[in-house]
Amino acid sequence: MGSNGTHEMSHRVLLLGAPGAGKGTQSKRLAAEYDLEHITTGDALRANKDMETEHGTPREYMEAGELVPDPVVNEIVEAAISEADGFVLDGYPRNLSQAEYLSEITELDVVAYLDVSDEELVRRLTGRRVDPETGDIYHVEFDMPDDEAVRERLEQRDDDTEDVVTERLRVYEENTEPVIEFYRDQGELVEVDGEASPDKVFERLSELLE
């Protein structure tokens, strides 16, 4: 590491974790701190909606409201990775075939899994509230606005109700458990306590990168 404050090594980081585990928050912080590209599947697809692949363009699937198939997602992520010196992947790979593809196109330096219990994930996700006027997101336990008027108009989004959240977590686990096992079998997986404070989690991730 350079002593002039710049990180000379480029890092290739994969963050795994369920919805609500804090991947987005930590990815953004790592990207800012280590000058990495923050690559999410959604952003990559939106940025390359019209990229031609053998299986059509992402736009065709997105406009039809369908899941973009693996081969298309793979190509788009590969393009994003090839343009980045270093990156944090967040939300990809979401299943085993994507994980296998990823291992063929790049070497990862760090694979970190933010481990959070189902109970805690449900608590975090069902506690989210949105301000219908500004779109700002708050949380009943961790982050409520000071303004009484704002507090009173907060709403829970339909996809943050307990039934929907529980189903989202079930689908996530079904698809992503094999991904976690894949990296565990390769001896690459580092489990990080995702229930610690965001600063503690960030500190732990930073240690992995140093």
C-alpha atoms as a PDB file:
ATOM      1  CA  MET A   1       0.000   0.000   0.000  1.00  0.00           C
ATOM      2  CA  GLY A   2       1.333   3.418  -0.883  1.00  0.00           C
ATOM      3  CA  SER A   3       1.996   5.768   1.978  1.00  0.00           C
ATOM      4  CA  ASN A   4       0.617   8.684  -0.011  1.00  0.00           C
ATOM      5  CA  GLY A   5      -2.888   7.596   0.866  1.00  0.00           C
ATOM      6  CA  THR A   6      -3.656   5.971  -2.457  1.00  0.00           C
ATOM      7  CA  HIS A   7      -4.216   2.262  -2.554  1.00  0.00           C
ATOM      8  CA  GLU A   8      -1.868   0.986  -5.218  1.00  0.00           C
ATOM      9  CA  MET A   9      -3.446  -2.410  -5.504  1.00  0.00           C
ATOM     10  CA  SER A  10      -6.668  -2.726  -7.338  1.00  0.00           C
ATOM     11  CA  HIS A  11      -9.170  -4.815  -5.449  1.00  0.00           C
ATOM     12  CA  ARG A  12     -11.737  -7.196  -6.858  1.00  0.00           C
ATOM     13  CA  VAL A  13     -14.324  -7.671  -4.168  1.00  0.00           C
ATOM     14  CA  LEU A  14     -17.540  -9.656  -4.025  1.00  0.00           C
ATOM     15  CA  LEU A  15     -20.067  -8.907  -1.280  1.00  0.00           C
ATOM     16  CA  LEU A  16     -22.698 -11.537  -0.596  1.00  0.00           C
ATOM     17  CA  GLY A  17     -25.634 -11.215   1.750  1.00  0.00           C
ATOM     18  CA  ALA A  18     -29.399 -11.332   1.887  1.00  0.00           C
ATOM     19  CA  PRO A  19     -31.660  -8.350   1.186  1.00  0.00           C
ATOM     20  CA  GLY A  20     -31.332  -6.148   4.259  1.00  0.00           C
ATOM     21  CA  ALA A  21     -27.849  -7.398   5.170  1.00  0.00           C
ATOM     22  CA  GLY A  22     -26.291  -4.038   4.264  1.00  0.00           C
ATOM     23  CA  LYS A  23     -24.525  -4.937   1.008  1.00  0.00           C
ATOM     24  CA  GLY A  24     -25.506  -1.716  -0.719  1.00  0.00           C
ATOM     25  CA  THR A  25     -24.319   0.497   2.137  1.00  0.00           C
ATOM     26  CA  GLN A  26     -21.006  -1.309   2.523  1.00  0.00           C
ATOM     27  CA  SER A  27     -20.378  -1.546  -1.234  1.00  0.00           C
ATOM     28  CA  LYS A  28     -20.784   2.208  -1.614  1.00  0.00           C
ATOM     29  CA  ARG A  29     -18.391   2.882   1.267  1.00  0.00           C
ATOM     30  CA  LEU A  30     -15.774   0.463  -0.059  1.00  0.00           C
ATOM     31  CA  ALA A  31     -16.085   1.900  -3.561  1.00  0.00           C
ATOM     32  CA  ALA A  32     -15.564   5.425  -2.237  1.00  0.00           C
ATOM     33  CA  GLU A  33     -12.730   4.513   0.124  1.00  0.00           C
ATOM     34  CA  TYR A  34     -10.748   2.332  -2.282  1.00  0.00           C
ATOM     35  CA  ASP A  35     -11.678   4.026  -5.550  1.00  0.00           C
ATOM     36  CA  LEU A  36     -13.489   0.977  -6.922  1.00  0.00           C
ATOM     37  CA  GLU A  37     -16.366   0.635  -9.343  1.00  0.00           C
ATOM     38  CA  HIS A  38     -19.553  -0.308  -7.496  1.00  0.00           C
ATOM     39  CA  ILE A  39     -21.115  -2.849  -9.860  1.00  0.00           C
ATOM     40  CA  THR A  40     -24.702  -3.912  -9.250  1.00  0.00           C
ATOM     41  CA  THR A  41     -26.606  -6.072 -11.692  1.00  0.00           C
ATOM     42  CA  GLY A  42     -29.396  -3.507 -11.886  1.00  0.00           C
ATOM     43  CA  ASP A  43     -27.068  -0.592 -12.643  1.00  0.00           C
ATOM     44  CA  ALA A  44     -25.073  -2.615 -15.170  1.00  0.00           C
ATOM     45  CA  LEU A  45     -28.248  -3.647 -16.971  1.00  0.00           C
ATOM     46  CA  ARG A  46     -29.631  -0.124 -16.985  1.00  0.00           C
ATOM     47  CA  ALA A  47     -26.343   1.264 -18.297  1.00  0.00           C
ATOM     48  CA  ASN A  48     -26.226  -1.333 -21.075  1.00  0.00           C
ATOM     49  CA  LYS A  49     -29.902  -1.724 -21.901  1.00  0.00           C
ATOM     50  CA  ASP A  50     -29.226  -1.892 -25.611  1.00  0.00           C
ATOM     51  CA  MET A  51     -26.111  -4.031 -25.613  1.00  0.00           C
ATOM     52  CA  GLU A  52     -26.551  -6.755 -28.214  1.00  0.00           C
ATOM     53  CA  THR A  53     -26.018 -10.279 -26.948  1.00  0.00           C
ATOM     54  CA  GLU A  54     -26.819 -13.625 -28.561  1.00  0.00           C
ATOM     55  CA  HIS A  55     -29.937 -13.651 -26.425  1.00  0.00           C
ATOM     56  CA  GLY A  56     -31.185 -10.178 -27.279  1.00  0.00           C
ATOM     57  CA  THR A  57     -30.808  -6.932 -25.355  1.00  0.00           C
ATOM     58  CA  PRO A  58     -31.595  -6.415 -21.648  1.00  0.00           C
ATOM     59  CA  ARG A  59     -34.205  -3.820 -22.625  1.00  0.00           C
ATOM     60  CA  GLU A  60     -36.395  -6.475 -24.260  1.00  0.00           C
ATOM     61  CA  TYR A  61     -36.628  -8.430 -21.015  1.00  0.00           C
ATOM     62  CA  MET A  62     -36.897  -5.419 -18.727  1.00  0.00           C
ATOM     63  CA  GLU A  63     -39.709  -3.874 -20.735  1.00  0.00           C
ATOM     64  CA  ALA A  64     -41.555  -7.183 -20.701  1.00  0.00           C
ATOM     65  CA  GLY A  65     -41.100  -7.261 -16.912  1.00  0.00           C
ATOM     66  CA  GLU A  66     -39.173 -10.522 -17.152  1.00  0.00           C
ATOM     67  CA  LEU A  67     -36.020 -11.599 -15.364  1.00  0.00           C
ATOM     68  CA  VAL A  68     -33.051 -10.994 -17.606  1.00  0.00           C
ATOM     69  CA  PRO A  69     -31.598 -14.455 -18.352  1.00  0.00           C
ATOM     70  CA  ASP A  70     -28.198 -15.485 -17.009  1.00  0.00           C
ATOM     71  CA  PRO A  71     -26.265 -15.373 -20.311  1.00  0.00           C
ATOM     72  CA  VAL A  72     -27.312 -11.742 -20.861  1.00  0.00           C
ATOM     73  CA  VAL A  73     -26.557 -10.729 -17.254  1.00  0.00           C
ATOM     74  CA  ASN A  74     -23.198 -12.520 -17.496  1.00  0.00           C
ATOM     75  CA  GLU A  75     -22.164 -10.636 -20.629  1.00  0.00           C
ATOM     76  CA  ILE A  76     -23.199  -7.288 -19.179  1.00  0.00           C
ATOM     77  CA  VAL A  77     -21.346  -7.878 -15.919  1.00  0.00           C
ATOM     78  CA  GLU A  78     -18.299  -9.066 -17.849  1.00  0.00           C
ATOM     79  CA  ALA A  79     -18.342  -5.811 -19.821  1.00  0.00           C
ATOM     80  CA  ALA A  80     -18.597  -3.790 -16.590  1.00  0.00           C
ATOM     81  CA  ILE A  81     -15.748  -5.741 -14.986  1.00  0.00           C
ATOM     82  CA  SER A  82     -13.481  -5.416 -18.003  1.00  0.00           C
ATOM     83  CA  GLU A  83     -13.828  -1.623 -17.908  1.00  0.00           C
ATOM     84  CA  ALA A  84     -13.044  -1.374 -14.188  1.00  0.00           C
ATOM     85  CA  ASP A  85      -9.604  -1.365 -12.588  1.00  0.00           C
ATOM     86  CA  GLY A  86     -11.072  -2.583  -9.335  1.00  0.00           C
ATOM     87  CA  PHE A  87     -14.650  -3.284  -8.350  1.00  0.00           C
ATOM     88  CA  VAL A  88     -17.134  -4.255  -5.678  1.00  0.00           C
ATOM     89  CA  LEU A  89     -19.781  -6.642  -6.973  1.00  0.00           C
ATOM     90  CA  ASP A  90     -23.111  -6.335  -5.198  1.00  0.00           C
ATOM     91  CA  GLY A  91     -26.067  -8.562  -6.128  1.00  0.00           C
ATOM     92  CA  TYR A  92     -24.168 -10.721  -8.617  1.00  0.00           C
ATOM     93  CA  PRO A  93     -23.715 -13.671  -8.857  1.00  0.00           C
ATOM     94  CA  ARG A  94     -27.204 -14.494  -7.651  1.00  0.00           C
ATOM     95  CA  ASN A  95     -27.092 -18.197  -8.541  1.00  0.00           C
ATOM     96  CA  LEU A  96     -24.586 -20.976  -9.070  1.00  0.00           C
ATOM     97  CA  SER A  97     -24.302 -20.726 -12.851  1.00  0.00           C
ATOM     98  CA  GLN A  98     -23.435 -17.017 -12.553  1.00  0.00           C
ATOM     99  CA  ALA A  99     -20.854 -17.815  -9.870  1.00  0.00           C
ATOM    100  CA  GLU A 100     -19.233 -20.414 -12.110  1.00  0.00           C
ATOM    101  CA  TYR A 101     -19.182 -17.956 -14.999  1.00  0.00           C
ATOM    102  CA  LEU A 102     -17.635 -15.271 -12.816  1.00  0.00           C
ATOM    103  CA  SER A 103     -14.834 -17.606 -11.746  1.00  0.00           C
ATOM    104  CA  GLU A 104     -13.913 -18.070 -15.419  1.00  0.00           C
ATOM    105  CA  ILE A 105     -13.660 -14.375 -16.234  1.00  0.00           C
ATOM    106  CA  THR A 106     -11.936 -12.882 -13.197  1.00  0.00           C
ATOM    107  CA  GLU A 107      -9.936 -13.626 -10.056  1.00  0.00           C
ATOM    108  CA  LEU A 108     -11.563 -12.259  -6.921  1.00  0.00           C
ATOM    109  CA  ASP A 109      -9.378 -10.979  -4.077  1.00  0.00           C
ATOM    110  CA  VAL A 110     -12.061 -10.957  -1.408  1.00  0.00           C
ATOM    111  CA  VAL A 111     -15.364 -12.808  -1.129  1.00  0.00           C
ATOM    112  CA  ALA A 112     -17.193 -11.578   1.966  1.00  0.00           C
ATOM    113  CA  TYR A 113     -20.539 -12.818   3.204  1.00  0.00           C
ATOM    114  CA  LEU A 114     -22.496 -10.486   5.475  1.00  0.00           C
ATOM    115  CA  ASP A 115     -24.078 -12.932   7.856  1.00  0.00           C
ATOM    116  CA  VAL A 116     -27.356 -11.735   9.372  1.00  0.00           C
ATOM    117  CA  SER A 117     -30.054 -13.906  10.988  1.00  0.00           C
ATOM    118  CA  ASP A 118     -33.459 -14.192   9.315  1.00  0.00           C
ATOM    119  CA  GLU A 119     -35.134 -12.574  12.336  1.00  0.00           C
ATOM    120  CA  GLU A 120     -32.869  -9.542  12.057  1.00  0.00           C
ATOM    121  CA  LEU A 121     -33.347  -9.298   8.278  1.00  0.00           C
ATOM    122  CA  VAL A 122     -37.121  -9.322   8.700  1.00  0.00           C
ATOM    123  CA  ARG A 123     -36.855  -6.661  11.416  1.00  0.00           C
ATOM    124  CA  ARG A 124     -34.686  -4.450   9.190  1.00  0.00           C
ATOM    125  CA  LEU A 125     -36.788  -4.867   6.067  1.00  0.00           C
ATOM    126  CA  THR A 126     -40.241  -4.555   7.619  1.00  0.00           C
ATOM    127  CA  GLY A 127     -39.103  -1.492   9.586  1.00  0.00           C
ATOM    128  CA  ARG A 128     -38.475   0.568   6.461  1.00  0.00           C
ATOM    129  CA  ARG A 129     -40.761   3.529   5.879  1.00  0.00           C
ATOM    130  CA  VAL A 130     -40.882   5.881   2.922  1.00  0.00           C
ATOM    131  CA  ASP A 131     -41.808   9.565   2.805  1.00  0.00           C
ATOM    132  CA  PRO A 132     -44.364   9.721  -0.041  1.00  0.00           C
ATOM    133  CA  GLU A 133     -43.479  13.367  -0.721  1.00  0.00           C
ATOM    134  CA  THR A 134     -39.683  13.103  -1.017  1.00  0.00           C
ATOM    135  CA  GLY A 135     -39.086   9.384  -1.544  1.00  0.00           C
ATOM    136  CA  ASP A 136     -36.633   9.410   1.377  1.00  0.00           C
ATOM    137  CA  ILE A 137     -36.338   6.104   3.197  1.00  0.00           C
ATOM    138  CA  TYR A 138     -36.333   5.883   6.983  1.00  0.00           C
ATOM    139  CA  HIS A 139     -36.457   3.102   9.540  1.00  0.00           C
ATOM    140  CA  VAL A 140     -38.709   2.848  12.574  1.00  0.00           C
ATOM    141  CA  GLU A 141     -35.868   1.647  14.800  1.00  0.00           C
ATOM    142  CA  PHE A 142     -32.666   3.047  13.386  1.00  0.00           C
ATOM    143  CA  ASP A 143     -33.450   6.207  11.534  1.00  0.00           C
ATOM    144  CA  MET A 144     -36.585   8.267  12.068  1.00  0.00           C
ATOM    145  CA  PRO A 145     -36.880  11.881  10.894  1.00  0.00           C
ATOM    146  CA  ASP A 146     -36.901  14.599  13.567  1.00  0.00           C
ATOM    147  CA  ASP A 147     -39.722  16.454  11.884  1.00  0.00           C
ATOM    148  CA  GLU A 148     -43.047  15.417  13.415  1.00  0.00           C
ATOM    149  CA  ALA A 149     -44.980  16.181  10.226  1.00  0.00           C
ATOM    150  CA  VAL A 150     -42.666  13.966   8.178  1.00  0.00           C
ATOM    151  CA  ARG A 151     -42.925  11.171  10.743  1.00  0.00           C
ATOM    152  CA  GLU A 152     -46.708  11.226  10.533  1.00  0.00           C
ATOM    153  CA  ARG A 153     -46.875  10.874   6.760  1.00  0.00           C
ATOM    154  CA  LEU A 154     -44.403   7.975   6.454  1.00  0.00           C
ATOM    155  CA  GLU A 155     -45.744   4.846   4.765  1.00  0.00           C
ATOM    156  CA  GLN A 156     -44.699   1.233   4.516  1.00  0.00           C
ATOM    157  CA  ARG A 157     -44.209   0.034   0.960  1.00  0.00           C
ATOM    158  CA  ASP A 158     -46.129  -3.053  -0.115  1.00  0.00           C
ATOM    159  CA  ASP A 159     -42.914  -4.975  -0.676  1.00  0.00           C
ATOM    160  CA  ASP A 160     -41.784  -4.292   2.914  1.00  0.00           C
ATOM    161  CA  THR A 161     -44.643  -6.140   4.605  1.00  0.00           C
ATOM    162  CA  GLU A 162     -43.720  -9.231   6.592  1.00  0.00           C
ATOM    163  CA  ASP A 163     -45.283 -11.746   4.174  1.00  0.00           C
ATOM    164  CA  VAL A 164     -43.525 -10.283   1.151  1.00  0.00           C
ATOM    165  CA  VAL A 165     -40.220  -9.919   2.991  1.00  0.00           C
ATOM    166  CA  THR A 166     -40.327 -13.531   4.203  1.00  0.00           C
ATOM    167  CA  GLU A 167     -40.970 -14.750   0.665  1.00  0.00           C
ATOM    168  CA  ARG A 168     -38.147 -12.569  -0.744  1.00  0.00           C
ATOM    169  CA  LEU A 169     -35.739 -14.066   1.779  1.00  0.00           C
ATOM    170  CA  ARG A 170     -36.899 -17.589   0.944  1.00  0.00           C
ATOM    171  CA  VAL A 171     -36.276 -17.023  -2.778  1.00  0.00           C
ATOM    172  CA  TYR A 172     -32.927 -15.403  -2.033  1.00  0.00           C
ATOM    173  CA  GLU A 173     -31.816 -18.342   0.106  1.00  0.00           C
ATOM    174  CA  GLU A 174     -32.941 -20.900  -2.452  1.00  0.00           C
ATOM    175  CA  ASN A 175     -30.904 -19.235  -5.211  1.00  0.00           C
ATOM    176  CA  THR A 176     -27.926 -17.930  -3.315  1.00  0.00           C
ATOM    177  CA  GLU A 177     -27.214 -20.649  -0.760  1.00  0.00           C
ATOM    178  CA  PRO A 178     -25.423 -22.680  -3.499  1.00  0.00           C
ATOM    179  CA  VAL A 179     -23.334 -19.590  -4.338  1.00  0.00           C
ATOM    180  CA  ILE A 180     -22.219 -19.273  -0.715  1.00  0.00           C
ATOM    181  CA  GLU A 181     -21.383 -22.999  -0.630  1.00  0.00           C
ATOM    182  CA  PHE A 182     -19.461 -22.655  -3.906  1.00  0.00           C
ATOM    183  CA  TYR A 183     -17.108 -20.039  -2.406  1.00  0.00           C
ATOM    184  CA  ARG A 184     -16.964 -21.860   0.909  1.00  0.00           C
ATOM    185  CA  ASP A 185     -15.856 -25.052  -0.868  1.00  0.00           C
ATOM    186  CA  GLN A 186     -13.143 -23.089  -2.647  1.00  0.00           C
ATOM    187  CA  GLY A 187     -11.933 -21.756   0.676  1.00  0.00           C
ATOM    188  CA  GLU A 188     -12.516 -18.180  -0.468  1.00  0.00           C
ATOM    189  CA  LEU A 189     -15.495 -17.244   1.669  1.00  0.00           C
ATOM    190  CA  VAL A 190     -14.973 -14.935   4.638  1.00  0.00           C
ATOM    191  CA  GLU A 191     -17.986 -14.596   6.909  1.00  0.00           C
ATOM    192  CA  VAL A 192     -18.492 -11.174   8.436  1.00  0.00           C
ATOM    193  CA  ASP A 193     -20.910 -10.508  11.268  1.00  0.00           C
ATOM    194  CA  GLY A 194     -23.468  -8.358   9.472  1.00  0.00           C
ATOM    195  CA  GLU A 195     -25.320  -7.649  12.707  1.00  0.00           C
ATOM    196  CA  ALA A 196     -22.496  -5.496  14.049  1.00  0.00           C
ATOM    197  CA  SER A 197     -22.762  -1.726  13.593  1.00  0.00           C
ATOM    198  CA  PRO A 198     -22.212  -0.472  10.020  1.00  0.00           C
ATOM    199  CA  ASP A 199     -18.888   1.085  11.112  1.00  0.00           C
ATOM    200  CA  LYS A 200     -17.714  -2.213  12.622  1.00  0.00           C
ATOM    201  CA  VAL A 201     -18.706  -4.111   9.467  1.00  0.00           C
ATOM    202  CA  PHE A 202     -16.851  -1.594   7.328  1.00  0.00           C
ATOM    203  CA  GLU A 203     -13.783  -1.867   9.527  1.00  0.00           C
ATOM    204  CA  ARG A 204     -13.781  -5.654   9.147  1.00  0.00           C
ATOM    205  CA  LEU A 205     -14.179  -5.446   5.364  1.00  0.00           C
ATOM    206  CA  SER A 206     -11.367  -2.899   5.154  1.00  0.00           C
ATOM    207  CA  GLU A 207      -9.075  -5.291   7.049  1.00  0.00           C
ATOM    208  CA  LEU A 208      -9.779  -7.941   4.411  1.00  0.00           C
ATOM    209  CA  LEU A 209      -8.723  -5.531   1.683  1.00  0.00           C
ATOM    210  CA  GLU A 210      -5.553  -4.295   3.307  1.00  0.00           C
END
